[in-house]
Amino acid sequence: MVPNSEKYPEAWAFFIEHARNISEEPEVNHHGKYSVPMPDKSGRFLYADCPGLLFTKFNEEFYKISLDSPSVYGKIQYIVENF
């Protein structure tokens, strides 16, 4: 089994730096125990009760096919599909 740090190095580095356990914070919202900012730097957050599920959600957003994608893969795929 290949670890996420090798499979998705760009996303994993961002995730490790920014993911947080918010379950013990005084102003806990009811979206989940863990949070990470959206990779598009919109100021929004992703939430989940499990770190694995949070990474899965984050990974989908990070590699989303878009010209504004934080990943090179997402940008290239957008260009290939639209031009």
C-alpha atoms as a PDB file:
ATOM      1  CA  MET A   1       0.000   0.000   0.000  1.00  0.00           C
ATOM      2  CA  VAL A   2       1.444   3.347  -1.082  1.00  0.00           C
ATOM      3  CA  PRO A   3       1.152   6.115   1.544  1.00  0.00           C
ATOM      4  CA  ASN A   4      -0.748   9.314   0.726  1.00  0.00           C
ATOM      5  CA  SER A   5       2.456  11.310   1.093  1.00  0.00           C
ATOM      6  CA  GLU A   6       3.848   9.475  -1.952  1.00  0.00           C
ATOM      7  CA  LYS A   7       0.607   9.193  -3.956  1.00  0.00           C
ATOM      8  CA  TYR A   8      -0.461  12.821  -3.537  1.00  0.00           C
ATOM      9  CA  PRO A   9       2.645  14.768  -2.443  1.00  0.00           C
ATOM     10  CA  GLU A  10       1.299  18.269  -3.199  1.00  0.00           C
ATOM     11  CA  ALA A  11      -2.037  17.722  -1.474  1.00  0.00           C
ATOM     12  CA  TRP A  12      -0.495  15.854   1.455  1.00  0.00           C
ATOM     13  CA  ALA A  13       1.975  18.671   2.220  1.00  0.00           C
ATOM     14  CA  PHE A  14      -0.830  21.266   2.285  1.00  0.00           C
ATOM     15  CA  PHE A  15      -3.086  18.966   4.328  1.00  0.00           C
ATOM     16  CA  ILE A  16      -0.445  18.199   6.971  1.00  0.00           C
ATOM     17  CA  GLU A  17       0.365  21.877   7.368  1.00  0.00           C
ATOM     18  CA  HIS A  18      -3.240  23.119   7.667  1.00  0.00           C
ATOM     19  CA  ALA A  19      -5.496  20.329   9.015  1.00  0.00           C
ATOM     20  CA  ARG A  20      -6.647  20.757  12.610  1.00  0.00           C
ATOM     21  CA  ASN A  21      -8.475  18.825  15.304  1.00  0.00           C
ATOM     22  CA  ILE A  22     -11.154  21.259  16.429  1.00  0.00           C
ATOM     23  CA  SER A  23     -13.071  18.964  18.771  1.00  0.00           C
ATOM     24  CA  GLU A  24     -11.680  20.578  21.928  1.00  0.00           C
ATOM     25  CA  GLU A  25     -11.931  24.198  20.813  1.00  0.00           C
ATOM     26  CA  PRO A  26     -14.487  26.294  22.705  1.00  0.00           C
ATOM     27  CA  GLU A  27     -16.386  27.420  19.601  1.00  0.00           C
ATOM     28  CA  VAL A  28     -16.775  24.002  17.990  1.00  0.00           C
ATOM     29  CA  ASN A  29     -19.210  24.003  15.139  1.00  0.00           C
ATOM     30  CA  HIS A  30     -21.232  20.917  14.414  1.00  0.00           C
ATOM     31  CA  HIS A  31     -19.752  20.207  10.983  1.00  0.00           C
ATOM     32  CA  GLY A  32     -17.159  17.719  12.264  1.00  0.00           C
ATOM     33  CA  LYS A  33     -14.222  17.209  14.603  1.00  0.00           C
ATOM     34  CA  TYR A  34     -11.522  18.031  12.055  1.00  0.00           C
ATOM     35  CA  SER A  35     -11.128  20.884   9.586  1.00  0.00           C
ATOM     36  CA  VAL A  36      -8.847  22.045   6.804  1.00  0.00           C
ATOM     37  CA  PRO A  37      -9.086  25.197   4.670  1.00  0.00           C
ATOM     38  CA  MET A  38     -10.256  24.796   1.102  1.00  0.00           C
ATOM     39  CA  PRO A  39      -7.226  24.606  -1.207  1.00  0.00           C
ATOM     40  CA  ASP A  40      -8.629  27.404  -3.385  1.00  0.00           C
ATOM     41  CA  LYS A  41      -7.897  29.849  -0.507  1.00  0.00           C
ATOM     42  CA  SER A  42     -11.506  31.073  -0.538  1.00  0.00           C
ATOM     43  CA  GLY A  43     -11.661  31.232   3.238  1.00  0.00           C
ATOM     44  CA  ARG A  44     -14.072  28.291   3.411  1.00  0.00           C
ATOM     45  CA  PHE A  45     -13.296  25.056   5.271  1.00  0.00           C
ATOM     46  CA  LEU A  46     -13.901  21.344   4.839  1.00  0.00           C
ATOM     47  CA  TYR A  47     -15.047  19.378   7.905  1.00  0.00           C
ATOM     48  CA  ALA A  48     -15.254  15.705   8.856  1.00  0.00           C
ATOM     49  CA  ASP A  49     -15.382  13.503  11.941  1.00  0.00           C
ATOM     50  CA  CYS A  50     -12.523  11.321  10.709  1.00  0.00           C
ATOM     51  CA  PRO A  51      -9.083  12.473   9.441  1.00  0.00           C
ATOM     52  CA  GLY A  52      -9.196   9.912   6.617  1.00  0.00           C
ATOM     53  CA  LEU A  53     -12.540  11.190   5.351  1.00  0.00           C
ATOM     54  CA  LEU A  54     -11.305  14.766   5.657  1.00  0.00           C
ATOM     55  CA  PHE A  55      -8.270  13.966   3.498  1.00  0.00           C
ATOM     56  CA  THR A  56     -10.490  12.268   0.914  1.00  0.00           C
ATOM     57  CA  LYS A  57     -12.723  15.355   0.672  1.00  0.00           C
ATOM     58  CA  PHE A  58      -9.695  17.639   0.596  1.00  0.00           C
ATOM     59  CA  ASN A  59      -7.965  15.557  -2.079  1.00  0.00           C
ATOM     60  CA  GLU A  60     -11.016  15.823  -4.361  1.00  0.00           C
ATOM     61  CA  GLU A  61     -10.985  19.608  -4.003  1.00  0.00           C
ATOM     62  CA  PHE A  62      -7.212  19.894  -4.395  1.00  0.00           C
ATOM     63  CA  TYR A  63      -7.107  17.982  -7.690  1.00  0.00           C
ATOM     64  CA  LYS A  64     -10.402  19.400  -8.990  1.00  0.00           C
ATOM     65  CA  ILE A  65     -10.261  20.020 -12.730  1.00  0.00           C
ATOM     66  CA  SER A  66     -10.232  23.797 -12.949  1.00  0.00           C
ATOM     67  CA  LEU A  67      -8.066  26.593 -14.250  1.00  0.00           C
ATOM     68  CA  ASP A  68      -7.912  27.878 -10.656  1.00  0.00           C
ATOM     69  CA  SER A  69      -6.863  24.496  -9.251  1.00  0.00           C
ATOM     70  CA  PRO A  70      -3.936  24.596  -6.814  1.00  0.00           C
ATOM     71  CA  SER A  71      -2.537  21.493  -8.508  1.00  0.00           C
ATOM     72  CA  VAL A  72      -0.761  21.405 -11.831  1.00  0.00           C
ATOM     73  CA  TYR A  73      -2.748  18.262 -12.719  1.00  0.00           C
ATOM     74  CA  GLY A  74      -6.094  20.059 -12.287  1.00  0.00           C
ATOM     75  CA  LYS A  75      -4.985  22.979 -14.457  1.00  0.00           C
ATOM     76  CA  ILE A  76      -3.599  20.762 -17.222  1.00  0.00           C
ATOM     77  CA  GLN A  77      -6.730  18.601 -17.271  1.00  0.00           C
ATOM     78  CA  TYR A  78      -8.891  21.717 -17.548  1.00  0.00           C
ATOM     79  CA  ILE A  79      -6.842  23.022 -20.481  1.00  0.00           C
ATOM     80  CA  VAL A  80      -6.900  19.631 -22.268  1.00  0.00           C
ATOM     81  CA  GLU A  81     -10.671  19.298 -21.845  1.00  0.00           C
ATOM     82  CA  ASN A  82     -11.581  22.867 -22.801  1.00  0.00           C
ATOM     83  CA  PHE A  83      -9.155  23.995 -25.481  1.00  0.00           C
END
